[in-house]
């Protein structure tokens, strides 16, 4: 209910599933807070998929439903979602920033 099938499939290759899932849960919570919606207005955990690129950089992939919210609420067609994940023993944390694309041209 909380994790996408892609997230579950990726976890099968890992030994420490607890940290893996804790960071993804934290990232989904941080994203909906950055969006200013929370998990309401028909937004579900499965609308957000957390992955990593080949170098380990975390990425947020969102459903078309959330893309429509970004467009309607913030008038954003082009945006960049920045995500930072971290964990240590019993703690996991995530930070999410949603920026207009024009601000990130030089990054």
Protein backbone atom coordinates (compact mmCIF):
# COMPACT_ATOMS: atom_id res chain seq x y z
CA UNK A 1 0.00 0.00 0.00
CA UNK A 2 2.85 2.41 0.75
CA UNK A 3 5.47 1.30 -1.77
CA UNK A 4 5.24 0.94 -5.54
CA UNK A 5 5.87 -2.39 -7.19
CA UNK A 6 9.11 -0.95 -8.63
CA UNK A 7 10.32 -0.06 -5.12
CA UNK A 8 9.47 -3.52 -3.85
CA UNK A 9 11.27 -5.16 -6.78
CA UNK A 10 14.39 -3.04 -6.22
CA UNK A 11 14.42 -3.96 -2.51
CA UNK A 12 14.79 -7.66 -3.33
CA UNK A 13 18.44 -7.09 -4.26
CA UNK A 14 19.32 -5.52 -0.89
CA UNK A 15 20.26 -6.93 2.47
CA UNK A 16 19.17 -3.98 4.62
CA UNK A 17 15.55 -3.55 3.61
CA UNK A 18 14.65 -1.60 6.77
CA UNK A 19 16.83 1.40 5.89
CA UNK A 20 15.76 1.18 2.24
CA UNK A 21 12.06 1.39 3.09
CA UNK A 22 12.50 3.94 5.88
CA UNK A 23 14.27 6.37 3.55
CA UNK A 24 11.59 5.95 0.88
CA UNK A 25 8.82 6.53 3.40
CA UNK A 26 10.60 9.67 4.64
CA UNK A 27 11.03 10.89 1.05
CA UNK A 28 7.34 10.45 0.25
CA UNK A 29 6.38 12.32 3.45
CA UNK A 30 8.84 15.12 2.67
CA UNK A 31 7.53 15.41 -0.89
CA UNK A 32 3.86 15.83 0.06
CA UNK A 33 4.89 18.40 2.67
CA UNK A 34 6.89 20.33 0.07
CA UNK A 35 3.82 20.11 -2.16
CA UNK A 36 1.75 21.55 0.69
CA UNK A 37 -0.94 18.88 0.37
CA UNK A 38 -0.14 15.97 2.62
CA UNK A 39 -1.75 12.65 1.85
CA UNK A 40 -5.20 13.98 1.06
CA UNK A 41 -7.08 15.16 -2.03
CA UNK A 42 -6.68 11.66 -3.46
CA UNK A 43 -2.85 11.66 -3.20
CA UNK A 44 -1.56 8.21 -2.31
CA UNK A 45 1.85 6.83 -1.39
CA UNK A 46 1.84 4.88 -4.67
CA UNK A 47 1.71 8.15 -6.66
CA UNK A 48 5.33 8.68 -5.63
CA UNK A 49 8.17 6.35 -6.61
CA UNK A 50 11.67 6.79 -5.17
CA UNK A 51 14.57 5.41 -7.19
CA UNK A 52 18.32 5.90 -7.52
CA UNK A 53 20.36 6.49 -10.65
CA UNK A 54 23.44 4.41 -11.47
CA UNK A 55 25.63 6.58 -9.23
CA UNK A 56 23.20 6.36 -6.31
CA UNK A 57 21.56 9.78 -6.63
CA UNK A 58 17.95 9.56 -5.38
CA UNK A 59 15.11 10.60 -7.69
CA UNK A 60 11.40 11.17 -7.23
CA UNK A 61 9.07 9.98 -9.96
CA UNK A 62 5.51 11.27 -9.64
CA UNK A 63 2.19 10.26 -11.16
CA UNK A 64 0.30 12.39 -13.66
CA UNK A 65 -2.20 13.16 -10.88
CA UNK A 66 0.54 14.92 -8.88
CA UNK A 67 1.88 16.62 -12.00
CA UNK A 68 -1.58 18.11 -12.48
CA UNK A 69 -1.58 19.37 -8.88
CA UNK A 70 1.79 21.08 -9.47
CA UNK A 71 0.39 22.70 -12.59
CA UNK A 72 -2.88 23.86 -11.00
CA UNK A 73 -1.63 24.85 -7.56
CA UNK A 74 1.69 26.47 -8.47
CA UNK A 75 1.23 27.10 -12.21
CA UNK A 76 4.32 24.98 -12.83
CA UNK A 77 4.89 23.23 -16.13
CA UNK A 78 8.67 22.95 -15.79
CA UNK A 79 10.08 22.12 -12.39
CA UNK A 80 12.87 20.19 -10.76
CA UNK A 81 12.37 18.04 -7.68
CA UNK A 82 15.49 17.84 -5.54
CA UNK A 83 15.76 15.02 -3.01
CA UNK A 84 18.30 14.24 -0.32
CA UNK A 85 18.17 11.00 1.68
CA UNK A 86 20.21 10.00 4.69
CA UNK A 87 20.15 7.40 7.41
CA UNK A 88 22.13 6.32 10.43
CA UNK A 89 21.32 3.25 12.50
CA UNK A 90 17.77 3.92 13.73
CA UNK A 91 17.06 7.19 11.92
CA UNK A 92 16.20 8.14 8.35
CA UNK A 93 15.64 11.62 6.98
CA UNK A 94 14.66 13.15 3.65
CA UNK A 95 14.60 16.69 2.29
CA UNK A 96 12.63 17.71 -0.78
CA UNK A 97 12.73 20.99 -2.68
CA UNK A 98 10.46 21.75 -5.63
CA UNK A 99 11.99 24.47 -7.84
CA UNK A 100 10.92 26.17 -11.01
CA UNK A 101 13.10 24.85 -13.83
CA UNK A 102 14.27 28.31 -14.90
CA UNK A 103 16.21 28.65 -11.62
CA UNK A 104 18.25 25.54 -12.33
CA UNK A 105 19.54 26.16 -15.85
CA UNK A 106 23.20 26.32 -14.74
CA UNK A 107 23.14 23.32 -12.39
